[in-house]
Amino acid sequence: MIGILIPVHNEEALLPECLKAAMIAASHPGLLGEEVQILVVLDSCTDRSSAIAQAFGVHSLCVEARNVGQVRGVGARYLLNHGARWISCTDADSRVAADWLVAQLALGVDAVCGTVTVDAWSEGFDQTAQIRYHQAYQACDGHRHIHGANLGVSAGAYVRAGGFEPLPCHEDVQLVRQLERCGATIAWSHAPQVITSARLDCRAQGGFGDYLKGLMQPS
């Protein structure tokens, strides 16, 4: 079984498109009928996120953590306990490609760090900041970016690395560093595609949204 892990905190606006894309990826013929379990971990949600997950018929857990590392860790343990051999992580403000899972698995490694494509720049994100982003971002194989929105790991490698730590941000970076220390094989690939939002009101302080905000500061 393959698990798709999606942490959620008040994502009613973007969650439907995220889940539609995940369900398409989960039914890709290249998976040869292997079961895919989509898991939404609802963290302190006060909006309609829970109802949306229920309407889509995906698995869900509710926690009160306000900590994305803890949320991912809870979700990963659930998926492992239900027999997942591979865990693919994305975010609720992101849309995975139809062949996302197939592209991750085809690399034949312990873990995959994929790239992201920004969907539409947030209002107020000026052209200078966009130029800075594209100058710094490597949308190619061999990049060194780490995104929780496009990350895959085998069950065995995840357990050996000790799993996600309960960090308020950069839990994905910490996991990859631990995978490297454990000698895991990691593909830094542009093949698995994910589109993500450029919103600046990010859910995790210090995450991708704050990185984008930083690009708007005078250099």
N, C-alpha and C. Protein backbone atom coordinates (compact mmCIF):
# COMPACT_ATOMS: atom_id res chain seq x y z
N MET A 1 0.84 -1.20 0.00
CA MET A 1 0.00 0.00 0.00
C MET A 1 0.88 1.25 0.00
N ILE A 2 0.40 2.28 -0.69
CA ILE A 2 1.06 3.57 -0.74
C ILE A 2 0.21 4.57 0.03
N GLY A 3 0.84 5.39 0.84
CA GLY A 3 0.11 6.40 1.60
C GLY A 3 0.40 7.80 1.09
N ILE A 4 -0.65 8.61 0.99
CA ILE A 4 -0.49 10.03 0.70
C ILE A 4 -0.86 10.79 1.97
N LEU A 5 0.07 11.57 2.47
CA LEU A 5 -0.09 12.25 3.76
C LEU A 5 -0.24 13.76 3.54
N ILE A 6 -1.36 14.30 4.04
CA ILE A 6 -1.66 15.72 3.84
C ILE A 6 -2.02 16.37 5.17
N PRO A 7 -1.15 17.22 5.74
CA PRO A 7 -1.52 17.96 6.95
C PRO A 7 -2.44 19.12 6.59
N VAL A 8 -3.41 19.40 7.45
CA VAL A 8 -4.42 20.42 7.13
C VAL A 8 -4.70 21.28 8.36
N HIS A 9 -4.65 22.60 8.17
CA HIS A 9 -5.13 23.53 9.20
C HIS A 9 -5.94 24.61 8.49
N ASN A 10 -7.26 24.54 8.63
CA ASN A 10 -8.17 25.53 8.05
C ASN A 10 -7.87 25.79 6.56
N GLU A 11 -8.11 24.76 5.77
CA GLU A 11 -7.78 24.81 4.34
C GLU A 11 -9.01 24.64 3.44
N GLU A 12 -10.18 25.09 3.89
CA GLU A 12 -11.40 24.83 3.13
C GLU A 12 -11.35 25.40 1.71
N ALA A 13 -10.60 26.47 1.49
CA ALA A 13 -10.57 27.09 0.17
C ALA A 13 -9.77 26.27 -0.84
N LEU A 14 -8.70 25.64 -0.39
CA LEU A 14 -7.79 24.96 -1.31
C LEU A 14 -7.83 23.44 -1.23
N LEU A 15 -8.39 22.91 -0.14
CA LEU A 15 -8.38 21.46 0.06
C LEU A 15 -9.11 20.68 -1.04
N PRO A 16 -10.25 21.15 -1.54
CA PRO A 16 -10.92 20.35 -2.58
C PRO A 16 -10.04 20.08 -3.80
N GLU A 17 -9.35 21.08 -4.31
CA GLU A 17 -8.49 20.88 -5.48
C GLU A 17 -7.31 19.98 -5.14
N CYS A 18 -6.81 20.10 -3.93
CA CYS A 18 -5.73 19.23 -3.48
C CYS A 18 -6.17 17.77 -3.50
N LEU A 19 -7.35 17.51 -2.95
CA LEU A 19 -7.84 16.14 -2.87
C LEU A 19 -8.22 15.58 -4.24
N LYS A 20 -8.77 16.42 -5.10
CA LYS A 20 -9.08 15.96 -6.46
C LYS A 20 -7.81 15.48 -7.15
N ALA A 21 -6.75 16.27 -7.04
CA ALA A 21 -5.49 15.91 -7.68
C ALA A 21 -4.90 14.64 -7.07
N ALA A 22 -4.96 14.53 -5.74
CA ALA A 22 -4.42 13.34 -5.07
C ALA A 22 -5.18 12.08 -5.49
N MET A 23 -6.49 12.19 -5.65
CA MET A 23 -7.29 11.03 -6.05
C MET A 23 -6.98 10.60 -7.49
N ILE A 24 -6.72 11.56 -8.35
CA ILE A 24 -6.33 11.22 -9.72
C ILE A 24 -4.98 10.49 -9.71
N ALA A 25 -4.03 11.01 -8.93
CA ALA A 25 -2.72 10.36 -8.84
C ALA A 25 -2.83 8.96 -8.26
N ALA A 26 -3.75 8.79 -7.31
CA ALA A 26 -3.92 7.49 -6.65
C ALA A 26 -4.49 6.43 -7.57
N SER A 27 -5.13 6.86 -8.65
CA SER A 27 -5.74 5.90 -9.58
C SER A 27 -4.97 5.76 -10.88
N HIS A 28 -3.74 6.24 -10.92
CA HIS A 28 -2.94 6.19 -12.15
C HIS A 28 -2.71 4.73 -12.56
N PRO A 29 -2.90 4.40 -13.83
CA PRO A 29 -2.73 3.01 -14.27
C PRO A 29 -1.31 2.47 -14.07
N GLY A 30 -0.34 3.37 -13.99
CA GLY A 30 1.03 2.94 -13.77
C GLY A 30 1.27 2.32 -12.40
N LEU A 31 0.33 2.48 -11.48
CA LEU A 31 0.44 1.87 -10.15
C LEU A 31 -0.02 0.41 -10.16
N LEU A 32 -0.55 -0.03 -11.29
CA LEU A 32 -0.95 -1.43 -11.49
C LEU A 32 -1.96 -1.91 -10.43
N GLY A 33 -2.83 -1.00 -10.03
CA GLY A 33 -3.89 -1.37 -9.10
C GLY A 33 -3.50 -1.41 -7.64
N GLU A 34 -2.28 -1.03 -7.31
CA GLU A 34 -1.88 -1.04 -5.89
C GLU A 34 -2.75 -0.07 -5.09
N GLU A 35 -3.12 -0.48 -3.90
CA GLU A 35 -3.94 0.36 -3.04
C GLU A 35 -3.19 1.63 -2.65
N VAL A 36 -3.89 2.74 -2.70
CA VAL A 36 -3.36 4.03 -2.24
C VAL A 36 -4.32 4.59 -1.21
N GLN A 37 -3.81 4.91 -0.05
CA GLN A 37 -4.64 5.48 1.01
C GLN A 37 -4.28 6.95 1.18
N ILE A 38 -5.27 7.82 0.98
CA ILE A 38 -5.08 9.26 1.17
C ILE A 38 -5.49 9.61 2.59
N LEU A 39 -4.56 10.19 3.33
CA LEU A 39 -4.82 10.52 4.74
C LEU A 39 -4.69 12.02 4.95
N VAL A 40 -5.76 12.62 5.43
CA VAL A 40 -5.79 14.03 5.82
C VAL A 40 -5.69 14.09 7.34
N VAL A 41 -4.70 14.81 7.83
CA VAL A 41 -4.57 14.99 9.28
C VAL A 41 -4.99 16.42 9.60
N LEU A 42 -6.17 16.53 10.20
CA LEU A 42 -6.79 17.82 10.49
C LEU A 42 -6.27 18.35 11.82
N ASP A 43 -5.54 19.46 11.76
CA ASP A 43 -4.91 20.01 12.96
C ASP A 43 -5.63 21.29 13.39
N SER A 44 -6.37 21.19 14.46
CA SER A 44 -7.03 22.37 15.07
C SER A 44 -7.88 23.13 14.06
N CYS A 45 -8.60 22.41 13.24
CA CYS A 45 -9.42 23.05 12.19
C CYS A 45 -10.72 23.58 12.77
N THR A 46 -11.06 24.80 12.41
CA THR A 46 -12.31 25.42 12.84
C THR A 46 -13.19 25.79 11.64
N ASP A 47 -12.78 25.37 10.45
CA ASP A 47 -13.55 25.68 9.25
C ASP A 47 -14.18 24.39 8.72
N ARG A 48 -14.43 24.32 7.42
CA ARG A 48 -15.11 23.17 6.83
C ARG A 48 -14.13 22.10 6.32
N SER A 49 -12.89 22.16 6.70
CA SER A 49 -11.91 21.19 6.20
C SER A 49 -12.32 19.75 6.51
N SER A 50 -12.81 19.50 7.71
CA SER A 50 -13.21 18.15 8.08
C SER A 50 -14.37 17.67 7.21
N ALA A 51 -15.34 18.53 6.99
CA ALA A 51 -16.49 18.16 6.16
C ALA A 51 -16.06 17.88 4.72
N ILE A 52 -15.11 18.64 4.23
CA ILE A 52 -14.61 18.43 2.87
C ILE A 52 -13.92 17.08 2.76
N ALA A 53 -13.07 16.77 3.72
CA ALA A 53 -12.40 15.47 3.71
C ALA A 53 -13.42 14.33 3.74
N GLN A 54 -14.45 14.49 4.56
CA GLN A 54 -15.49 13.47 4.65
C GLN A 54 -16.24 13.34 3.33
N ALA A 55 -16.51 14.45 2.68
CA ALA A 55 -17.24 14.42 1.41
C ALA A 55 -16.44 13.71 0.32
N PHE A 56 -15.12 13.84 0.38
CA PHE A 56 -14.27 13.18 -0.61
C PHE A 56 -14.03 11.71 -0.27
N GLY A 57 -14.40 11.31 0.92
CA GLY A 57 -14.26 9.91 1.29
C GLY A 57 -12.85 9.47 1.59
N VAL A 58 -11.97 10.42 1.94
CA VAL A 58 -10.61 10.05 2.28
C VAL A 58 -10.51 9.77 3.78
N HIS A 59 -9.44 9.13 4.18
CA HIS A 59 -9.21 8.87 5.60
C HIS A 59 -8.81 10.18 6.28
N SER A 60 -9.20 10.33 7.53
CA SER A 60 -8.83 11.55 8.24
C SER A 60 -8.61 11.27 9.72
N LEU A 61 -7.74 12.07 10.30
CA LEU A 61 -7.48 12.06 11.74
C LEU A 61 -7.59 13.51 12.22
N CYS A 62 -8.00 13.68 13.46
CA CYS A 62 -8.10 15.02 14.05
C CYS A 62 -7.11 15.13 15.22
N VAL A 63 -6.32 16.17 15.20
CA VAL A 63 -5.39 16.43 16.30
C VAL A 63 -5.49 17.90 16.69
N GLU A 64 -4.99 18.21 17.86
CA GLU A 64 -4.93 19.59 18.34
C GLU A 64 -3.49 19.88 18.69
N ALA A 65 -2.69 20.19 17.69
CA ALA A 65 -1.25 20.33 17.91
C ALA A 65 -0.73 21.71 17.50
N ARG A 66 -1.21 22.22 16.36
CA ARG A 66 -0.65 23.42 15.74
C ARG A 66 0.87 23.27 15.60
N ASN A 67 1.25 22.12 15.11
CA ASN A 67 2.65 21.79 14.93
C ASN A 67 2.74 20.83 13.75
N VAL A 68 3.27 21.29 12.63
CA VAL A 68 3.22 20.49 11.41
C VAL A 68 4.09 19.24 11.51
N GLY A 69 5.20 19.32 12.25
CA GLY A 69 6.03 18.13 12.42
C GLY A 69 5.31 17.04 13.18
N GLN A 70 4.62 17.43 14.24
CA GLN A 70 3.83 16.47 15.00
C GLN A 70 2.72 15.88 14.16
N VAL A 71 2.07 16.73 13.37
CA VAL A 71 0.97 16.28 12.51
C VAL A 71 1.47 15.27 11.48
N ARG A 72 2.57 15.57 10.81
CA ARG A 72 3.11 14.63 9.83
C ARG A 72 3.53 13.32 10.50
N GLY A 73 4.09 13.44 11.71
CA GLY A 73 4.50 12.24 12.42
C GLY A 73 3.32 11.35 12.78
N VAL A 74 2.24 11.96 13.25
CA VAL A 74 1.02 11.20 13.57
C VAL A 74 0.50 10.51 12.31
N GLY A 75 0.45 11.24 11.22
CA GLY A 75 -0.04 10.67 9.98
C GLY A 75 0.83 9.54 9.45
N ALA A 76 2.14 9.72 9.52
CA ALA A 76 3.05 8.69 9.05
C ALA A 76 2.92 7.41 9.87
N ARG A 77 2.79 7.55 11.19
CA ARG A 77 2.62 6.36 12.03
C ARG A 77 1.33 5.62 11.68
N TYR A 78 0.28 6.37 11.43
CA TYR A 78 -0.99 5.76 11.06
C TYR A 78 -0.83 4.97 9.77
N LEU A 79 -0.21 5.56 8.78
CA LEU A 79 -0.04 4.89 7.49
C LEU A 79 0.86 3.66 7.61
N LEU A 80 1.93 3.77 8.38
CA LEU A 80 2.80 2.62 8.59
C LEU A 80 2.06 1.49 9.29
N ASN A 81 1.27 1.83 10.29
CA ASN A 81 0.51 0.82 11.02
C ASN A 81 -0.53 0.13 10.15
N HIS A 82 -0.91 0.80 9.05
CA HIS A 82 -1.88 0.22 8.13
C HIS A 82 -1.22 -0.38 6.89
N GLY A 83 0.09 -0.56 6.97
CA GLY A 83 0.78 -1.32 5.94
C GLY A 83 1.39 -0.56 4.80
N ALA A 84 1.56 0.75 4.94
CA ALA A 84 2.16 1.53 3.85
C ALA A 84 3.62 1.12 3.64
N ARG A 85 3.99 0.89 2.41
CA ARG A 85 5.40 0.62 2.08
C ARG A 85 6.11 1.90 1.62
N TRP A 86 5.31 2.90 1.26
CA TRP A 86 5.85 4.17 0.77
C TRP A 86 4.90 5.27 1.21
N ILE A 87 5.47 6.39 1.68
CA ILE A 87 4.67 7.53 2.11
C ILE A 87 5.04 8.72 1.25
N SER A 88 4.03 9.29 0.58
CA SER A 88 4.21 10.49 -0.23
C SER A 88 3.54 11.66 0.48
N CYS A 89 4.31 12.71 0.72
CA CYS A 89 3.79 13.87 1.44
C CYS A 89 3.52 15.03 0.48
N THR A 90 2.41 15.70 0.72
CA THR A 90 2.14 16.96 0.04
C THR A 90 1.43 17.88 1.02
N ASP A 91 1.02 19.06 0.53
CA ASP A 91 0.35 20.04 1.39
C ASP A 91 -1.03 20.37 0.84
N ALA A 92 -1.87 20.90 1.71
CA ALA A 92 -3.26 21.16 1.34
C ALA A 92 -3.40 22.32 0.36
N ASP A 93 -2.38 23.15 0.23
CA ASP A 93 -2.44 24.25 -0.75
C ASP A 93 -1.72 23.88 -2.04
N SER A 94 -1.56 22.58 -2.27
CA SER A 94 -0.80 22.10 -3.43
C SER A 94 -1.62 21.10 -4.23
N ARG A 95 -1.25 20.93 -5.49
CA ARG A 95 -1.90 19.96 -6.37
C ARG A 95 -0.82 19.10 -7.03
N VAL A 96 -0.89 17.81 -6.77
CA VAL A 96 0.11 16.90 -7.33
C VAL A 96 -0.28 16.54 -8.77
N ALA A 97 0.72 16.18 -9.56
CA ALA A 97 0.47 15.77 -10.94
C ALA A 97 -0.16 14.39 -10.98
N ALA A 98 -0.81 14.07 -12.09
CA ALA A 98 -1.48 12.78 -12.22
C ALA A 98 -0.50 11.62 -12.07
N ASP A 99 0.74 11.80 -12.51
CA ASP A 99 1.74 10.72 -12.43
C ASP A 99 2.71 10.91 -11.27
N TRP A 100 2.30 11.69 -10.28
CA TRP A 100 3.19 12.04 -9.16
C TRP A 100 3.71 10.79 -8.43
N LEU A 101 2.84 9.90 -8.05
CA LEU A 101 3.26 8.70 -7.33
C LEU A 101 4.11 7.81 -8.23
N VAL A 102 3.69 7.65 -9.47
CA VAL A 102 4.43 6.81 -10.41
C VAL A 102 5.84 7.36 -10.60
N ALA A 103 5.95 8.69 -10.72
CA ALA A 103 7.26 9.31 -10.93
C ALA A 103 8.16 9.14 -9.72
N GLN A 104 7.60 9.24 -8.51
CA GLN A 104 8.41 9.01 -7.30
C GLN A 104 8.92 7.58 -7.25
N LEU A 105 8.03 6.63 -7.42
CA LEU A 105 8.39 5.22 -7.28
C LEU A 105 9.35 4.77 -8.38
N ALA A 106 9.24 5.35 -9.57
CA ALA A 106 10.08 4.94 -10.69
C ALA A 106 11.55 5.23 -10.45
N LEU A 107 11.85 6.12 -9.52
CA LEU A 107 13.24 6.48 -9.26
C LEU A 107 13.99 5.39 -8.51
N GLY A 108 13.27 4.48 -7.87
CA GLY A 108 13.89 3.31 -7.25
C GLY A 108 14.85 3.61 -6.11
N VAL A 109 14.53 4.61 -5.31
CA VAL A 109 15.40 5.02 -4.20
C VAL A 109 14.65 4.95 -2.87
N ASP A 110 15.38 5.28 -1.80
CA ASP A 110 14.75 5.27 -0.47
C ASP A 110 13.88 6.50 -0.24
N ALA A 111 14.25 7.60 -0.86
CA ALA A 111 13.49 8.85 -0.65
C ALA A 111 13.61 9.73 -1.88
N VAL A 112 12.59 10.55 -2.10
CA VAL A 112 12.56 11.46 -3.24
C VAL A 112 12.26 12.87 -2.75
N CYS A 113 13.12 13.80 -3.11
CA CYS A 113 12.88 15.22 -2.86
C CYS A 113 12.54 15.85 -4.21
N GLY A 114 11.30 16.29 -4.36
CA GLY A 114 10.85 16.88 -5.61
C GLY A 114 10.81 18.39 -5.56
N THR A 115 10.59 18.99 -6.72
CA THR A 115 10.48 20.44 -6.82
C THR A 115 9.01 20.87 -6.77
N VAL A 116 8.79 22.17 -6.69
CA VAL A 116 7.43 22.71 -6.77
C VAL A 116 7.38 23.82 -7.80
N THR A 117 6.22 23.98 -8.40
CA THR A 117 5.96 25.08 -9.32
C THR A 117 4.92 25.98 -8.69
N VAL A 118 5.20 27.28 -8.63
CA VAL A 118 4.26 28.23 -8.04
C VAL A 118 3.10 28.45 -8.99
N ASP A 119 1.89 28.31 -8.48
CA ASP A 119 0.67 28.39 -9.28
C ASP A 119 0.43 29.80 -9.78
N ALA A 120 0.22 30.72 -8.88
CA ALA A 120 -0.03 32.12 -9.23
C ALA A 120 0.53 32.97 -8.10
N TRP A 121 1.24 34.00 -8.47
CA TRP A 121 1.87 34.83 -7.45
C TRP A 121 0.83 35.62 -6.68
N SER A 122 1.01 35.69 -5.38
CA SER A 122 0.09 36.42 -4.52
C SER A 122 0.07 37.90 -4.89
N GLU A 123 -1.08 38.51 -4.66
CA GLU A 123 -1.19 39.94 -4.90
C GLU A 123 -0.20 40.68 -4.01
N GLY A 124 0.53 41.58 -4.58
CA GLY A 124 1.53 42.31 -3.82
C GLY A 124 2.92 41.72 -3.93
N PHE A 125 3.03 40.51 -4.54
CA PHE A 125 4.35 39.91 -4.72
C PHE A 125 4.94 40.52 -5.98
N ASP A 126 5.83 41.48 -5.83
CA ASP A 126 6.26 42.30 -6.96
C ASP A 126 7.20 41.54 -7.91
N GLN A 127 7.43 42.14 -9.06
CA GLN A 127 8.22 41.50 -10.11
C GLN A 127 9.65 41.26 -9.66
N THR A 128 10.19 42.19 -8.90
CA THR A 128 11.57 42.03 -8.42
C THR A 128 11.69 40.79 -7.55
N ALA A 129 10.70 40.57 -6.68
CA ALA A 129 10.72 39.38 -5.83
C ALA A 129 10.58 38.11 -6.65
N GLN A 130 9.75 38.15 -7.69
CA GLN A 130 9.61 36.99 -8.57
C GLN A 130 10.92 36.66 -9.26
N ILE A 131 11.63 37.68 -9.70
CA ILE A 131 12.93 37.47 -10.35
C ILE A 131 13.91 36.84 -9.37
N ARG A 132 13.90 37.33 -8.13
CA ARG A 132 14.78 36.76 -7.11
C ARG A 132 14.47 35.28 -6.89
N TYR A 133 13.17 34.97 -6.88
CA TYR A 133 12.78 33.57 -6.66
C TYR A 133 13.32 32.69 -7.79
N HIS A 134 13.09 33.08 -9.02
CA HIS A 134 13.50 32.24 -10.15
C HIS A 134 15.02 32.16 -10.30
N GLN A 135 15.72 33.19 -9.87
CA GLN A 135 17.18 33.15 -9.92
C GLN A 135 17.73 32.15 -8.91
N ALA A 136 17.04 32.02 -7.78
CA ALA A 136 17.53 31.14 -6.71
C ALA A 136 17.03 29.71 -6.82
N TYR A 137 15.91 29.52 -7.55
CA TYR A 137 15.27 28.20 -7.56
C TYR A 137 15.81 27.34 -8.69
N GLN A 138 16.12 26.06 -8.37
CA GLN A 138 16.63 25.12 -9.36
C GLN A 138 15.52 24.14 -9.73
N ALA A 139 14.83 24.39 -10.81
CA ALA A 139 13.76 23.50 -11.27
C ALA A 139 14.36 22.47 -12.23
N CYS A 140 15.17 21.57 -11.69
CA CYS A 140 15.87 20.60 -12.51
C CYS A 140 16.32 19.43 -11.64
N ASP A 141 16.70 18.34 -12.29
CA ASP A 141 17.28 17.22 -11.55
C ASP A 141 18.58 17.68 -10.90
N GLY A 142 18.85 17.14 -9.72
CA GLY A 142 20.07 17.51 -9.00
C GLY A 142 19.92 18.74 -8.14
N HIS A 143 18.70 19.30 -8.08
CA HIS A 143 18.44 20.44 -7.19
C HIS A 143 18.69 20.01 -5.75
N ARG A 144 18.67 20.96 -4.84
CA ARG A 144 18.84 20.63 -3.42
C ARG A 144 17.71 21.21 -2.57
N HIS A 145 16.53 21.37 -3.16
CA HIS A 145 15.39 21.89 -2.42
C HIS A 145 14.69 20.76 -1.66
N ILE A 146 14.11 21.11 -0.53
CA ILE A 146 13.33 20.15 0.25
C ILE A 146 11.96 20.77 0.53
N HIS A 147 10.92 20.11 0.04
CA HIS A 147 9.56 20.60 0.22
C HIS A 147 8.68 19.50 0.82
N GLY A 148 7.99 19.83 1.90
CA GLY A 148 7.01 18.89 2.42
C GLY A 148 5.87 18.67 1.45
N ALA A 149 5.71 19.57 0.48
CA ALA A 149 4.66 19.44 -0.52
C ALA A 149 5.00 18.42 -1.61
N ASN A 150 6.26 17.98 -1.66
CA ASN A 150 6.69 17.03 -2.69
C ASN A 150 7.84 16.19 -2.15
N LEU A 151 7.48 15.26 -1.28
CA LEU A 151 8.47 14.43 -0.61
C LEU A 151 7.95 13.01 -0.51
N GLY A 152 8.78 12.05 -0.83
CA GLY A 152 8.40 10.64 -0.72
C GLY A 152 9.48 9.86 -0.01
N VAL A 153 9.07 8.85 0.75
CA VAL A 153 10.06 8.05 1.50
C VAL A 153 9.51 6.64 1.70
N SER A 154 10.41 5.67 1.61
CA SER A 154 10.01 4.29 1.86
C SER A 154 9.79 4.09 3.35
N ALA A 155 8.97 3.12 3.68
CA ALA A 155 8.66 2.84 5.09
C ALA A 155 9.93 2.49 5.86
N GLY A 156 10.77 1.63 5.27
CA GLY A 156 11.98 1.21 5.97
C GLY A 156 12.93 2.37 6.24
N ALA A 157 13.14 3.23 5.25
CA ALA A 157 14.04 4.37 5.43
C ALA A 157 13.47 5.35 6.44
N TYR A 158 12.17 5.55 6.40
CA TYR A 158 11.54 6.47 7.35
C TYR A 158 11.76 6.01 8.78
N VAL A 159 11.56 4.73 9.03
CA VAL A 159 11.74 4.20 10.38
C VAL A 159 13.20 4.29 10.80
N ARG A 160 14.12 3.95 9.92
CA ARG A 160 15.55 4.02 10.25
C ARG A 160 15.98 5.44 10.59
N ALA A 161 15.38 6.41 9.92
CA ALA A 161 15.75 7.81 10.14
C ALA A 161 15.10 8.39 11.39
N GLY A 162 14.16 7.68 11.98
CA GLY A 162 13.52 8.15 13.19
C GLY A 162 12.26 8.95 12.98
N GLY A 163 11.85 9.12 11.73
CA GLY A 163 10.58 9.77 11.43
C GLY A 163 10.61 11.29 11.57
N PHE A 164 9.46 11.89 11.35
CA PHE A 164 9.33 13.34 11.49
C PHE A 164 9.44 13.73 12.96
N GLU A 165 10.21 14.76 13.23
CA GLU A 165 10.29 15.29 14.58
C GLU A 165 9.20 16.35 14.78
N PRO A 166 8.72 16.53 16.01
CA PRO A 166 7.63 17.47 16.26
C PRO A 166 8.10 18.93 16.23
N LEU A 167 8.54 19.36 15.06
CA LEU A 167 9.04 20.72 14.88
C LEU A 167 7.95 21.60 14.27
N PRO A 168 7.89 22.88 14.64
CA PRO A 168 6.87 23.77 14.09
C PRO A 168 7.10 24.12 12.62
N CYS A 169 8.31 23.91 12.13
CA CYS A 169 8.60 24.06 10.70
C CYS A 169 9.92 23.33 10.42
N HIS A 170 10.20 23.11 9.13
CA HIS A 170 11.43 22.44 8.69
C HIS A 170 11.53 20.99 9.17
N GLU A 171 10.39 20.40 9.51
CA GLU A 171 10.41 18.98 9.86
C GLU A 171 10.80 18.12 8.66
N ASP A 172 10.47 18.61 7.46
CA ASP A 172 10.85 17.91 6.24
C ASP A 172 12.37 17.94 6.04
N VAL A 173 12.97 19.10 6.29
CA VAL A 173 14.42 19.24 6.18
C VAL A 173 15.13 18.33 7.18
N GLN A 174 14.62 18.32 8.40
CA GLN A 174 15.23 17.48 9.45
C GLN A 174 15.16 16.01 9.07
N LEU A 175 14.03 15.56 8.51
CA LEU A 175 13.91 14.16 8.12
C LEU A 175 14.91 13.82 7.02
N VAL A 176 15.05 14.69 6.04
CA VAL A 176 15.99 14.42 4.95
C VAL A 176 17.42 14.37 5.47
N ARG A 177 17.76 15.26 6.39
CA ARG A 177 19.11 15.24 6.97
C ARG A 177 19.35 13.92 7.71
N GLN A 178 18.34 13.44 8.42
CA GLN A 178 18.47 12.16 9.11
C GLN A 178 18.58 11.00 8.11
N LEU A 179 17.85 11.08 7.02
CA LEU A 179 17.96 10.06 5.97
C LEU A 179 19.37 10.03 5.41
N GLU A 180 19.95 11.21 5.20
CA GLU A 180 21.32 11.27 4.70
C GLU A 180 22.30 10.64 5.68
N ARG A 181 22.10 10.91 6.96
CA ARG A 181 22.99 10.34 7.99
C ARG A 181 22.87 8.82 8.05
N CYS A 182 21.68 8.32 7.74
CA CYS A 182 21.46 6.87 7.76
C CYS A 182 21.95 6.18 6.49
N GLY A 183 22.43 6.95 5.54
CA GLY A 183 22.92 6.35 4.31
C GLY A 183 21.82 6.02 3.30
N ALA A 184 20.66 6.63 3.45
CA ALA A 184 19.57 6.38 2.51
C ALA A 184 19.90 6.93 1.13
N THR A 185 19.41 6.25 0.10
CA THR A 185 19.55 6.77 -1.26
C THR A 185 18.44 7.77 -1.51
N ILE A 186 18.82 8.96 -1.96
CA ILE A 186 17.87 10.06 -2.14
C ILE A 186 17.97 10.59 -3.56
N ALA A 187 16.84 10.70 -4.23
CA ALA A 187 16.79 11.31 -5.56
C ALA A 187 16.32 12.75 -5.42
N TRP A 188 17.12 13.66 -5.94
CA TRP A 188 16.76 15.08 -5.99
C TRP A 188 16.24 15.33 -7.41
N SER A 189 14.95 15.14 -7.58
CA SER A 189 14.40 15.00 -8.92
C SER A 189 13.36 16.06 -9.25
N HIS A 190 13.32 16.42 -10.53
CA HIS A 190 12.31 17.34 -11.05
C HIS A 190 11.15 16.58 -11.70
N ALA A 191 11.25 15.25 -11.70
CA ALA A 191 10.23 14.44 -12.38
C ALA A 191 8.88 14.45 -11.66
N PRO A 192 8.82 14.22 -10.34
CA PRO A 192 7.51 14.28 -9.67
C PRO A 192 7.07 15.75 -9.56
N GLN A 193 5.97 16.09 -10.19
CA GLN A 193 5.55 17.48 -10.29
C GLN A 193 4.46 17.84 -9.28
N VAL A 194 4.61 19.00 -8.65
CA VAL A 194 3.61 19.52 -7.72
C VAL A 194 3.47 21.03 -7.95
N ILE A 195 2.23 21.49 -8.03
CA ILE A 195 1.94 22.92 -8.12
C ILE A 195 1.52 23.39 -6.74
N THR A 196 2.09 24.48 -6.27
CA THR A 196 1.77 24.97 -4.93
C THR A 196 1.42 26.45 -4.97
N SER A 197 0.75 26.91 -3.94
CA SER A 197 0.33 28.31 -3.91
C SER A 197 1.48 29.21 -3.46
N ALA A 198 1.34 30.48 -3.80
CA ALA A 198 2.33 31.46 -3.37
C ALA A 198 1.74 32.36 -2.29
N ARG A 199 0.83 31.81 -1.52
CA ARG A 199 0.21 32.64 -0.49
C ARG A 199 1.24 33.04 0.56
N LEU A 200 1.06 34.22 1.09
CA LEU A 200 1.99 34.75 2.07
C LEU A 200 1.49 34.55 3.50
N ASP A 201 0.20 34.22 3.66
CA ASP A 201 -0.34 33.91 4.99
C ASP A 201 -0.16 32.42 5.26
N CYS A 202 1.09 32.03 5.42
CA CYS A 202 1.43 30.61 5.52
C CYS A 202 0.92 30.01 6.83
N ARG A 203 0.69 28.69 6.81
CA ARG A 203 0.17 27.99 7.98
C ARG A 203 1.28 27.68 8.99
N ALA A 204 2.50 27.46 8.50
CA ALA A 204 3.63 27.14 9.38
C ALA A 204 4.61 28.30 9.37
N GLN A 205 4.80 28.94 10.52
CA GLN A 205 5.74 30.05 10.59
C GLN A 205 7.14 29.56 10.24
N GLY A 206 7.80 30.28 9.35
CA GLY A 206 9.13 29.87 8.91
C GLY A 206 9.11 28.98 7.69
N GLY A 207 7.91 28.72 7.16
CA GLY A 207 7.78 27.84 6.00
C GLY A 207 7.93 28.57 4.68
N PHE A 208 7.35 27.98 3.62
CA PHE A 208 7.52 28.48 2.26
C PHE A 208 6.99 29.91 2.11
N GLY A 209 5.86 30.19 2.74
CA GLY A 209 5.29 31.53 2.66
C GLY A 209 6.20 32.59 3.25
N ASP A 210 6.84 32.27 4.36
CA ASP A 210 7.76 33.22 4.97
C ASP A 210 9.02 33.39 4.11
N TYR A 211 9.43 32.30 3.45
CA TYR A 211 10.55 32.42 2.51
C TYR A 211 10.20 33.39 1.39
N LEU A 212 8.99 33.30 0.86
CA LEU A 212 8.55 34.22 -0.18
C LEU A 212 8.49 35.65 0.32
N LYS A 213 8.01 35.82 1.55
CA LYS A 213 7.97 37.17 2.14
C LYS A 213 9.37 37.77 2.19
N GLY A 214 10.33 36.92 2.54
CA GLY A 214 11.71 37.40 2.64
C GLY A 214 12.25 37.90 1.32
N LEU A 215 11.78 37.35 0.23
CA LEU A 215 12.23 37.81 -1.08
C LEU A 215 11.73 39.20 -1.42
N MET A 216 10.70 39.64 -0.70
CA MET A 216 10.12 40.96 -0.96
C MET A 216 10.84 42.05 -0.18
N GLN A 217 11.76 41.67 0.69
CA GLN A 217 12.49 42.66 1.46
C GLN A 217 13.61 43.26 0.62
N PRO A 218 13.91 44.55 0.81
CA PRO A 218 15.01 45.17 0.05
C PRO A 218 16.31 44.43 0.32
N SER A 219 17.08 44.20 -0.73
CA SER A 219 18.36 43.48 -0.57
C SER A 219 19.46 44.43 -0.15
